[in-house]
Amino acid sequence: MQTFSLTNFFCGVLLLGLFSTSINSNAIELDASVNEQIIMLPVSVNGARLQLETTIFKPPGDGPFPLVLMNHGKERGNPNLQKRDRFLAMSREFVKRGYAVAIPMRKGYSKSDGIYRDYGCNMKDNGQLQADDVQAAFNAIRSQSWVDAQRIVVAGQSYGGLATMALGTRELPGVRGLLNFAGGLRIDGGNCNWRNALVSAFADYAGKTKLPSLWFYGANDSYFDHALANKLMQAYQTAGGRAQLVAFGKFKSDAHGMVGSHDGVPIWWPQTARFLQSIGMPFIETITLAAPSKPAATHFAAINNVAAVPYLSDSGREGYKHFLTRSTPRAFAIGPGGVWSWAEEGDDPTERVLAACQSIRNAPCELYAVDDAVVWREPINKTLAAQ
């Protein structure tokens, strides 16, 4: 996913029992069609009592539901500033098949307690350290009445994929398989040979893992290309691990984010359905979900009418032209004084683009375009529009 912002002057870019603490989500638009909730999950990580910000999706009813425990990656920069991951497109596919999905933010990420730590170039221990948090979340969630404790799949993307493979070395009651979406950790700068370290880590995990796994790596993954994915698989299988690699082709501008995109579903779901069937998990769609809501189109202007976009300077119009070349889902926001921002991909580009635009100088921003439609309406306050 990507977000970009600019002005005329500068650029920037109902749970019960254990779950007694919920996040006030008045300002957060949750997807009611999949019963989305955000909770602070009480866990114990190596004896420390913490709360992990966790997103829950559930089908209608009380369950018990089979569970997918999904693990997030690590963005560049401070993990505390990383936003909550939802994997909405993926989560919706599983809810359609009767699954509940839980996505815990690990220690030090987003609103979760604790401090993020790592072991530098030691990939084996990095994965196990993150797996400590995942196991804590697993233990807390598996005990809930709405979870079918004997039908669980653990999945992860990027650093979450590495954590998932590390978690597979442990005793995990009820877990039947692992899903690895572009799993690994890249270290930029310094003298860390992180590729070889990843190969060693995967070989170590394989020798201790009894669970089968399914892996997805794309040809134009900016982190882990096919050459590295094949080395990881060879090391894993040589060490006794049971895994299947799906080495798919190019996906948009970067295959690393494939599982976070609704356009990625046709790539990962067919193989995943076969994998789920092989391990005795549900794979047939039984629930019809309404399409995700988005702002209604207006007749203010055609999507490609660059001159019609209010507020913008020449540089802003160049930014809008670039936005028009980006893939969907995408959104463009504008504000008085020439403030603008665009975002693409991810769970909700509209939420991200508004946050980015409004953060530039606390300007009131509005959506101008979403996907292939203009959604902006002329403000009633003409004085504001003229600023």
Protein backbone atom coordinates (compact mmCIF):
# COMPACT_ATOMS: atom_id res chain seq x y z
CA MET A 1 0.00 0.00 0.00
CA GLN A 2 1.15 3.55 -0.61
CA THR A 3 0.21 7.02 0.58
CA PHE A 4 1.52 10.32 -0.76
CA SER A 5 0.73 13.90 0.30
CA LEU A 6 1.68 17.37 -0.87
CA THR A 7 0.73 21.01 -0.48
CA ASN A 8 1.78 24.06 -2.46
CA PHE A 9 4.69 24.44 -0.04
CA PHE A 10 5.93 21.07 1.17
CA CYS A 11 5.41 17.33 0.99
CA GLY A 12 4.88 14.61 3.51
CA VAL A 13 3.46 11.85 3.26
CA LEU A 14 -19.43 -8.11 21.47
CA LEU A 15 -17.09 -10.17 23.07
CA LEU A 16 -17.74 -11.75 26.51
CA GLY A 17 -15.74 -12.98 29.47
CA LEU A 18 -12.03 -12.42 29.02
CA PHE A 19 -12.43 -9.57 26.56
CA SER A 20 -13.57 -6.90 28.97
CA THR A 21 -11.72 -3.99 27.36
CA SER A 22 -12.77 -2.54 24.03
CA ILE A 23 -11.38 0.36 22.06
CA ASN A 24 -13.67 3.34 21.59
CA SER A 25 -14.29 3.05 17.87
CA ASN A 26 -16.70 5.96 17.39
CA ALA A 27 -14.28 7.59 14.97
CA ILE A 28 -13.39 4.31 13.25
CA GLU A 29 -15.63 2.89 10.54
CA LEU A 30 -15.93 -0.83 11.18
CA ASP A 31 -17.27 -3.35 8.68
CA ALA A 32 -20.60 -4.45 10.15
CA SER A 33 -21.09 -7.09 7.44
CA VAL A 34 -18.32 -9.16 9.04
CA ASN A 35 -19.03 -8.08 12.65
CA GLU A 36 -15.70 -6.29 12.91
CA GLN A 37 -14.55 -5.41 16.43
CA ILE A 38 -11.42 -3.94 17.95
CA ILE A 39 -10.48 -5.14 21.42
CA MET A 40 -7.57 -4.88 23.79
CA LEU A 41 -6.73 -8.55 24.35
CA PRO A 42 -5.27 -9.39 27.81
CA VAL A 43 -2.34 -11.78 27.39
CA SER A 44 0.68 -13.07 29.24
CA VAL A 45 3.96 -12.93 27.30
CA ASN A 46 6.82 -14.64 29.14
CA GLY A 47 5.19 -13.77 32.47
CA ALA A 48 4.42 -10.14 31.59
CA ARG A 49 0.77 -9.08 31.57
CA LEU A 50 0.00 -7.02 28.46
CA GLN A 51 -2.86 -5.98 26.23
CA LEU A 52 -2.63 -6.46 22.48
CA GLU A 53 -4.79 -4.44 20.11
CA THR A 54 -6.70 -7.11 18.23
CA THR A 55 -9.19 -7.00 15.36
CA ILE A 56 -11.90 -9.69 15.31
CA PHE A 57 -14.15 -10.66 12.40
CA LYS A 58 -16.97 -13.18 12.87
CA PRO A 59 -19.85 -14.74 10.93
CA PRO A 60 -23.39 -14.29 12.27
CA GLY A 61 -24.24 -16.30 15.36
CA ASP A 62 -22.49 -17.49 18.48
CA GLY A 63 -20.26 -20.18 17.00
CA PRO A 64 -18.15 -22.04 17.71
CA PHE A 65 -16.35 -21.05 14.51
CA PRO A 66 -13.14 -22.38 13.00
CA LEU A 67 -10.45 -19.75 13.47
CA VAL A 68 -7.80 -18.06 11.35
CA LEU A 69 -5.16 -16.29 13.43
CA MET A 70 -3.51 -13.79 11.07
CA ASN A 71 -0.15 -12.11 11.77
CA HIS A 72 0.96 -8.76 10.40
CA GLY A 73 4.25 -7.55 8.98
CA LYS A 74 6.52 -4.68 10.00
CA GLU A 75 6.55 -1.38 8.20
CA ARG A 76 9.60 0.85 8.09
CA GLY A 77 10.01 3.19 11.07
CA ASN A 78 8.63 3.16 14.59
CA PRO A 79 6.30 0.16 15.17
CA ASN A 80 4.23 2.28 17.58
CA LEU A 81 3.24 4.45 14.62
CA GLN A 82 2.16 1.47 12.53
CA LYS A 83 -1.60 1.37 11.96
CA ARG A 84 -3.85 -1.52 12.93
CA ASP A 85 -3.83 -4.28 10.32
CA ARG A 86 -7.16 -5.69 9.17
CA PHE A 87 -6.42 -7.76 6.06
CA LEU A 88 -10.02 -7.01 5.17
CA ALA A 89 -10.12 -8.68 1.76
CA MET A 90 -8.61 -11.88 3.18
CA SER A 91 -10.78 -11.77 6.30
CA ARG A 92 -13.97 -11.44 4.26
CA GLU A 93 -13.08 -14.56 2.23
CA PHE A 94 -12.71 -16.61 5.41
CA VAL A 95 -15.86 -15.21 7.04
CA LYS A 96 -17.76 -16.27 3.91
CA ARG A 97 -16.68 -19.84 4.71
CA GLY A 98 -17.81 -19.61 8.33
CA TYR A 99 -14.49 -18.70 9.95
CA ALA A 100 -13.75 -16.20 12.66
CA VAL A 101 -10.56 -14.21 12.04
CA ALA A 102 -8.35 -12.66 14.73
CA ILE A 103 -5.51 -10.24 13.92
CA PRO A 104 -3.46 -9.27 17.00
CA MET A 105 -0.96 -6.42 16.81
CA ARG A 106 2.17 -7.69 18.51
CA LYS A 107 4.05 -6.07 21.37
CA GLY A 108 5.07 -2.48 20.63
CA TYR A 109 2.96 -2.18 17.48
CA SER A 110 0.13 0.33 17.07
CA LYS A 111 -1.84 0.54 20.35
CA SER A 112 -0.51 -2.71 21.84
CA ASP A 113 1.41 -2.57 25.10
CA GLY A 114 5.09 -3.24 25.41
CA ILE A 115 8.23 -2.38 23.48
CA TYR A 116 9.26 -3.80 20.13
CA ARG A 117 12.55 -5.69 20.23
CA ASP A 118 14.57 -7.82 17.83
CA TYR A 119 17.79 -9.81 17.61
CA GLY A 120 19.34 -7.96 14.70
CA CYS A 121 20.51 -10.38 12.02
CA ASN A 122 19.51 -13.49 13.99
CA MET A 123 16.43 -14.38 11.96
CA LYS A 124 15.70 -17.63 13.81
CA ASP A 125 15.39 -15.83 17.14
CA ASN A 126 13.61 -12.84 15.59
CA GLY A 127 10.87 -15.18 14.38
CA GLN A 128 10.64 -16.93 17.76
CA LEU A 129 10.51 -13.61 19.63
CA GLN A 130 7.52 -12.50 17.55
CA ALA A 131 6.01 -15.97 17.94
CA ASP A 132 5.98 -15.44 21.73
CA ASP A 133 3.40 -12.69 21.24
CA VAL A 134 1.42 -14.74 18.73
CA GLN A 135 1.29 -17.74 21.06
CA ALA A 136 0.06 -15.50 23.88
CA ALA A 137 -2.75 -14.24 21.64
CA PHE A 138 -3.45 -17.81 20.48
CA ASN A 139 -3.80 -19.04 24.07
CA ALA A 140 -6.19 -16.22 24.96
CA ILE A 141 -8.40 -16.48 21.89
CA ARG A 142 -8.55 -20.28 21.62
CA SER A 143 -10.26 -20.51 25.03
CA GLN A 144 -13.23 -18.41 23.92
CA SER A 145 -16.65 -20.08 23.54
CA TRP A 146 -17.08 -18.78 19.97
CA VAL A 147 -13.87 -20.51 18.79
CA ASP A 148 -13.79 -24.12 17.59
CA ALA A 149 -10.62 -25.04 19.47
CA GLN A 150 -9.94 -28.07 17.24
CA ARG A 151 -10.09 -26.27 13.90
CA ILE A 152 -7.51 -23.49 13.67
CA VAL A 153 -5.21 -22.18 10.94
CA VAL A 154 -2.36 -19.76 11.64
CA ALA A 155 -1.34 -17.37 8.87
CA GLY A 156 1.04 -14.47 8.44
CA GLN A 157 2.38 -11.94 5.97
CA SER A 158 6.01 -10.75 5.75
CA TYR A 159 7.43 -10.57 9.30
CA GLY A 160 4.16 -12.15 10.42
CA GLY A 161 4.89 -15.01 8.02
CA LEU A 162 8.26 -15.56 9.68
CA ALA A 163 6.54 -15.49 13.08
CA THR A 164 3.97 -18.00 11.80
CA MET A 165 6.65 -20.43 10.65
CA ALA A 166 8.45 -20.03 13.99
CA LEU A 167 5.20 -20.63 15.87
CA GLY A 168 4.80 -23.89 13.96
CA THR A 169 7.71 -25.37 15.95
CA ARG A 170 5.60 -25.32 19.12
CA GLU A 171 2.81 -27.44 20.54
CA LEU A 172 -0.35 -25.80 19.22
CA PRO A 173 -3.51 -27.72 20.15
CA GLY A 174 -6.12 -27.55 17.42
CA VAL A 175 -3.88 -25.99 14.74
CA ARG A 176 -4.04 -27.95 11.49
CA GLY A 177 -1.91 -25.89 9.13
CA LEU A 178 0.08 -22.74 8.41
CA LEU A 179 -0.25 -20.13 5.67
CA ASN A 180 2.84 -18.10 4.77
CA PHE A 181 2.34 -15.02 2.61
CA ALA A 182 5.76 -13.64 1.60
CA GLY A 183 7.21 -14.52 5.00
CA GLY A 184 10.56 -13.13 6.10
CA LEU A 185 12.38 -10.08 7.43
CA ARG A 186 14.68 -7.82 5.43
CA ILE A 187 17.39 -5.69 7.03
CA ASP A 188 18.63 -2.69 5.09
CA GLY A 189 22.12 -1.34 5.68
CA GLY A 190 24.98 -2.77 7.73
CA ASN A 191 26.71 -6.06 7.04
CA CYS A 192 23.85 -8.45 7.82
CA ASN A 193 23.52 -11.26 5.29
CA TRP A 194 19.83 -11.47 6.01
CA ARG A 195 19.02 -13.74 3.06
CA ASN A 196 21.31 -16.52 4.30
CA ALA A 197 20.07 -15.92 7.83
CA LEU A 198 16.50 -16.46 6.64
CA VAL A 199 17.45 -19.70 4.88
CA SER A 200 19.04 -20.96 8.11
CA ALA A 201 16.00 -19.93 10.14
CA PHE A 202 13.55 -21.76 7.87
CA ALA A 203 15.72 -24.89 7.96
CA ASP A 204 15.76 -24.75 11.77
CA TYR A 205 11.98 -24.36 11.95
CA ALA A 206 11.41 -27.26 9.54
CA GLY A 207 13.26 -29.71 11.78
CA LYS A 208 10.88 -28.92 14.64
CA THR A 209 7.57 -28.51 12.77
CA LYS A 210 4.97 -31.23 12.22
CA LEU A 211 2.35 -28.98 10.61
CA PRO A 212 1.89 -28.67 6.83
CA SER A 213 2.21 -25.23 5.32
CA LEU A 214 1.34 -23.38 2.11
CA TRP A 215 3.56 -20.52 0.91
CA PHE A 216 2.97 -17.63 -1.53
CA TYR A 217 5.79 -15.55 -3.01
CA GLY A 218 5.47 -13.29 -6.09
CA ALA A 219 7.90 -12.61 -8.93
CA ASN A 220 8.09 -8.87 -8.30
CA ASP A 221 8.16 -9.01 -4.49
CA SER A 222 10.47 -6.16 -3.49
CA TYR A 223 11.55 -8.05 -0.36
CA PHE A 224 11.71 -11.75 -1.20
CA ASP A 225 11.89 -12.73 -4.86
CA HIS A 226 11.49 -16.19 -6.39
CA ALA A 227 15.19 -16.98 -6.12
CA LEU A 228 15.12 -16.49 -2.35
CA ALA A 229 11.72 -18.20 -1.97
CA ASN A 230 13.09 -21.29 -3.74
CA LYS A 231 16.11 -21.35 -1.41
CA LEU A 232 13.83 -21.10 1.61
CA MET A 233 11.67 -23.95 0.31
CA GLN A 234 14.64 -26.16 -0.53
CA ALA A 235 16.14 -25.65 2.93
CA TYR A 236 12.77 -26.27 4.58
CA GLN A 237 12.01 -29.47 2.70
CA THR A 238 15.57 -30.78 3.05
CA ALA A 239 15.25 -30.40 6.81
CA GLY A 240 12.02 -32.43 6.80
CA GLY A 241 9.39 -29.71 6.60
CA ARG A 242 6.09 -30.31 4.77
CA ALA A 243 5.37 -27.30 2.58
CA GLN A 244 4.12 -26.28 -0.85
CA LEU A 245 5.38 -23.15 -2.60
CA VAL A 246 3.11 -21.13 -4.87
CA ALA A 247 5.52 -18.96 -6.87
CA PHE A 248 3.09 -16.68 -8.69
CA GLY A 249 3.95 -14.03 -11.26
CA LYS A 250 4.02 -10.26 -11.06
CA PHE A 251 1.29 -8.57 -9.03
CA LYS A 252 0.74 -4.88 -9.59
CA SER A 253 3.76 -2.78 -8.60
CA ASP A 254 4.87 -5.09 -5.75
CA ALA A 255 3.73 -8.64 -5.01
CA HIS A 256 4.73 -8.26 -1.37
CA GLY A 257 1.31 -6.77 -0.56
CA MET A 258 -0.73 -9.26 -2.61
CA VAL A 259 -2.70 -10.74 0.31
CA GLY A 260 -3.71 -7.23 1.44
CA SER A 261 -5.40 -6.46 -1.89
CA HIS A 262 -8.87 -7.55 -3.00
CA ASP A 263 -7.33 -8.16 -6.43
CA GLY A 264 -5.04 -10.75 -4.83
CA VAL A 265 -7.90 -13.09 -3.88
CA PRO A 266 -7.92 -14.96 -7.24
CA ILE A 267 -4.21 -15.69 -6.73
CA TRP A 268 -4.21 -17.08 -3.21
CA TRP A 269 -7.72 -18.43 -2.64
CA PRO A 270 -7.88 -21.43 -5.09
CA GLN A 271 -4.67 -22.98 -3.73
CA THR A 272 -5.70 -22.13 -0.18
CA ALA A 273 -9.09 -23.82 -0.68
CA ARG A 274 -7.34 -27.03 -1.77
CA PHE A 275 -4.98 -26.79 1.20
CA LEU A 276 -7.86 -26.27 3.64
CA GLN A 277 -9.71 -29.25 2.19
CA SER A 278 -6.59 -31.42 2.59
CA ILE A 279 -6.32 -30.61 6.31
CA GLY A 280 -10.03 -31.04 7.05
CA MET A 281 -10.95 -27.36 7.27
CA PRO A 282 -14.00 -25.64 5.69
CA PHE A 283 -13.46 -24.26 2.18
CA ILE A 284 -16.95 -23.88 0.66
CA GLU A 285 -18.67 -20.49 0.74
CA THR A 286 -21.75 -20.64 2.97
CA ILE A 287 -22.35 -16.95 3.78
CA THR A 288 -23.19 -14.14 1.36
CA LEU A 289 -21.67 -10.81 2.34
CA ALA A 290 -22.69 -7.37 1.13
CA ALA A 291 -20.04 -5.59 -0.87
CA PRO A 292 -17.91 -3.13 1.14
CA SER A 293 -19.50 0.30 1.19
CA LYS A 294 -17.79 3.33 -0.30
CA PRO A 295 -18.84 6.95 -0.96
CA ALA A 296 -21.40 7.48 -3.69
CA ALA A 297 -20.25 8.98 -6.97
CA THR A 298 -21.30 12.55 -7.78
CA HIS A 299 -21.63 14.39 -11.07
CA PHE A 300 -19.19 17.12 -10.13
CA ALA A 301 -16.71 16.15 -12.86
CA ALA A 302 -15.34 13.23 -14.84
CA ILE A 303 -12.61 11.27 -13.04
CA ASN A 304 -10.00 12.26 -15.65
CA ASN A 305 -10.86 15.97 -15.68
CA VAL A 306 -7.71 17.21 -13.98
CA ALA A 307 -8.58 20.89 -14.36
CA ALA A 308 -11.83 20.45 -12.40
CA VAL A 309 -10.16 19.42 -9.12
CA PRO A 310 -10.55 22.33 -6.65
CA TYR A 311 -7.80 23.99 -4.62
CA LEU A 312 -4.83 22.50 -6.44
CA SER A 313 -1.76 24.27 -7.77
CA ASP A 314 0.07 23.03 -10.84
CA SER A 315 2.09 20.60 -8.72
CA GLY A 316 -1.12 19.31 -7.18
CA ARG A 317 -2.59 18.68 -10.61
CA GLU A 318 0.52 16.71 -11.51
CA GLY A 319 -0.06 14.71 -8.34
CA TYR A 320 -3.64 14.02 -9.41
CA LYS A 321 -2.45 12.88 -12.85
CA HIS A 322 -0.14 10.43 -11.11
CA PHE A 323 -3.01 9.24 -8.89
CA LEU A 324 -4.98 8.40 -12.04
CA THR A 325 -2.24 5.93 -13.05
CA ARG A 326 -2.45 4.01 -9.77
CA SER A 327 -4.35 0.76 -9.28
CA THR A 328 -7.55 0.36 -7.29
CA PRO A 329 -8.48 0.53 -4.50
CA ARG A 330 -7.32 4.13 -4.41
CA ALA A 331 -8.44 7.50 -3.03
CA PHE A 332 -7.55 11.17 -3.50
CA ALA A 333 -8.24 13.84 -0.85
CA ILE A 334 -8.08 17.63 -1.06
CA GLY A 335 -8.23 20.57 1.33
CA PRO A 336 -8.14 24.38 1.34
CA GLY A 337 -4.79 25.99 0.62
CA GLY A 338 -3.73 23.37 -1.90
CA VAL A 339 -3.39 20.44 0.50
CA TRP A 340 -3.78 17.05 -1.21
CA SER A 341 -2.97 13.40 -0.74
CA TRP A 342 -3.49 10.07 -2.50
CA ALA A 343 -3.36 6.47 -1.28
CA GLU A 344 -3.70 3.09 -2.91
CA GLU A 345 -4.13 -0.55 -1.88
CA GLY A 346 -4.36 -1.81 1.72
CA ASP A 347 -7.47 -2.25 3.81
CA ASP A 348 -8.91 1.24 3.54
CA PRO A 349 -7.15 3.86 1.40
CA THR A 350 -9.93 6.35 2.12
CA GLU A 351 -9.15 6.32 5.85
CA ARG A 352 -5.42 6.60 5.24
CA VAL A 353 -5.66 9.36 2.67
CA LEU A 354 -7.80 11.57 4.89
CA ALA A 355 -5.47 11.07 7.84
CA ALA A 356 -2.45 11.92 5.68
CA CYS A 357 -4.05 14.99 4.16
CA GLN A 358 -5.32 16.38 7.45
CA SER A 359 -1.98 15.81 9.19
CA ILE A 360 -0.12 18.20 6.89
CA ARG A 361 -1.26 21.35 8.66
CA ASN A 362 -4.41 20.24 10.45
CA ALA A 363 -6.36 21.23 7.37
CA PRO A 364 -9.96 20.04 6.93
CA CYS A 365 -9.73 17.56 4.05
CA GLU A 366 -12.40 15.76 2.05
CA LEU A 367 -12.39 12.89 -0.39
CA TYR A 368 -12.33 13.98 -4.01
CA ALA A 369 -12.08 10.64 -5.81
CA VAL A 370 -12.40 6.98 -4.82
CA ASP A 371 -11.38 4.27 -7.28
CA ASP A 372 -12.78 5.41 -10.65
CA ALA A 373 -15.39 7.91 -9.46
CA VAL A 374 -15.43 11.51 -8.26
CA VAL A 375 -17.22 11.65 -4.89
CA TRP A 376 -16.59 15.32 -4.01
CA ARG A 377 -19.42 17.80 -3.60
CA GLU A 378 -19.00 21.56 -3.64
CA PRO A 379 -18.98 22.77 -0.03
CA ILE A 380 -21.91 24.89 1.10
CA ASN A 381 -19.38 27.24 2.69
CA LYS A 382 -18.11 29.09 -0.39
CA THR A 383 -15.67 31.11 1.72
CA LEU A 384 -13.93 27.90 2.78
CA ALA A 385 -13.82 26.71 -0.82
CA ALA A 386 -12.16 29.94 -1.93
CA GLN A 387 -9.31 29.68 0.57
